[in-house]
Amino acid sequence: MTGLSVLTIRYYMGLGLLTPQQTGRNWDFSQEDLSRAAAIARYKDCGFSLQAIAALFSLQQDPALSRKERNLRIDCLLEKERCRIRRDEQELANSLD
């Protein structure tokens, strides 16, 4: 359903990125878990690190932050990732040259 391998899902669970409920030997994934898995895949496709994705999810769920503060911190995180990705792209282009 997620398009991710079982090993990848287990890895993400180990990192705390996915938190399905366990029933006996089975894991029950909610719609939120499935949406989160899709979001992880999208961010990874864009070049985000798992650490950045975890930080983004953490910011999105932090009840101690005001909406304005949350948005400012998310914008800052996204800008840092954008700069890192562009730097990586430039290094790759230089390597190819």
Protein backbone atom coordinates (compact mmCIF):
# COMPACT_ATOMS: atom_id res chain seq x y z
CA MET A 1 0.00 0.00 0.00
CA THR A 2 2.89 2.38 0.64
CA GLY A 3 5.16 1.31 -2.19
CA LEU A 4 7.91 0.85 0.38
CA SER A 5 9.66 -2.42 1.12
CA VAL A 6 9.07 -4.22 4.40
CA LEU A 7 12.69 -3.57 5.39
CA THR A 8 12.28 0.15 4.71
CA ILE A 9 9.09 0.29 6.75
CA ARG A 10 10.80 -1.53 9.63
CA TYR A 11 13.73 0.86 9.40
CA TYR A 12 11.42 3.87 9.52
CA MET A 13 9.61 2.33 12.48
CA GLY A 14 12.97 1.91 14.23
CA LEU A 15 13.71 5.58 13.68
CA GLY A 16 10.28 6.53 15.01
CA LEU A 17 9.14 7.97 11.68
CA LEU A 18 6.27 5.45 11.54
CA THR A 19 4.44 4.35 14.66
CA PRO A 20 1.79 1.75 13.81
CA GLN A 21 -0.01 -0.15 16.56
CA GLN A 22 1.00 -3.74 17.18
CA THR A 23 -1.70 -6.38 17.58
CA GLY A 24 -0.10 -9.69 18.41
CA ARG A 25 2.44 -10.32 15.67
CA ASN A 26 0.80 -7.91 13.22
CA TRP A 27 1.17 -4.19 12.75
CA ASP A 28 -1.92 -2.08 12.17
CA PHE A 29 -1.23 0.96 10.02
CA SER A 30 -3.72 3.79 10.31
CA GLN A 31 -4.56 6.18 7.50
CA GLU A 32 -2.23 8.67 9.20
CA ASP A 33 0.60 6.10 9.09
CA LEU A 34 -0.01 5.54 5.38
CA SER A 35 -0.08 9.28 4.70
CA ARG A 36 3.12 9.70 6.68
CA ALA A 37 4.82 6.90 4.71
CA ALA A 38 3.82 8.63 1.47
CA ALA A 39 5.17 11.94 2.79
CA ILE A 40 8.47 10.30 3.74
CA ALA A 41 8.77 8.84 0.23
CA ARG A 42 8.04 12.26 -1.34
CA TYR A 43 10.61 14.02 0.85
CA LYS A 44 13.20 11.31 0.15
CA ASP A 45 12.53 11.65 -3.60
CA CYS A 46 13.28 15.36 -3.22
CA GLY A 47 16.61 14.56 -1.56
CA PHE A 48 15.71 15.23 2.06
CA SER A 49 17.70 13.39 4.70
CA LEU A 50 15.86 11.18 7.17
CA GLN A 51 17.07 13.48 9.96
CA ALA A 52 15.46 16.47 8.26
CA ILE A 53 12.23 14.53 7.71
CA ALA A 54 12.16 13.51 11.37
CA ALA A 55 12.77 17.13 12.43
CA LEU A 56 10.01 18.33 10.10
CA PHE A 57 7.52 15.83 11.52
CA SER A 58 8.55 16.80 15.04
CA LEU A 59 7.99 20.49 14.33
CA GLN A 60 4.61 19.80 12.74
CA GLN A 61 3.45 18.01 15.89
CA ASP A 62 5.01 20.22 18.58
CA PRO A 63 2.11 21.56 20.67
CA ALA A 64 4.42 23.95 22.55
CA LEU A 65 4.97 26.09 19.46
CA SER A 66 2.62 28.77 18.25
CA ARG A 67 1.49 28.45 14.65
CA LYS A 68 3.71 31.39 13.67
CA GLU A 69 6.80 29.97 15.42
CA ARG A 70 6.14 26.51 13.96
CA ASN A 71 5.90 27.94 10.43
CA LEU A 72 9.08 29.99 10.90
CA ARG A 73 11.01 26.93 12.08
CA ILE A 74 9.64 24.77 9.29
CA ASP A 75 10.57 27.44 6.72
CA CYS A 76 14.09 27.58 8.16
CA LEU A 77 14.44 23.79 8.02
CA LEU A 78 13.16 23.65 4.44
CA GLU A 79 15.55 26.42 3.40
CA LYS A 80 18.50 24.58 4.95
CA GLU A 81 17.55 21.41 3.10
CA ARG A 82 17.12 23.32 -0.16
CA CYS A 83 20.59 24.81 0.21
CA ARG A 84 22.11 21.42 1.09
CA ILE A 85 20.45 19.78 -1.92
CA ARG A 86 21.66 22.53 -4.26
CA ARG A 87 25.17 22.20 -2.84
CA ASP A 88 25.05 18.43 -3.41
CA GLU A 89 23.81 18.98 -6.97
CA GLN A 90 26.68 21.39 -7.65
CA GLU A 91 29.22 18.92 -6.25
CA LEU A 92 27.78 16.20 -8.46
CA ALA A 93 27.89 18.45 -11.52
CA ASN A 94 31.52 19.33 -10.73
CA SER A 95 32.37 15.64 -10.40
CA LEU A 96 30.81 14.89 -13.76
CA ASP A 97 32.79 17.68 -15.41
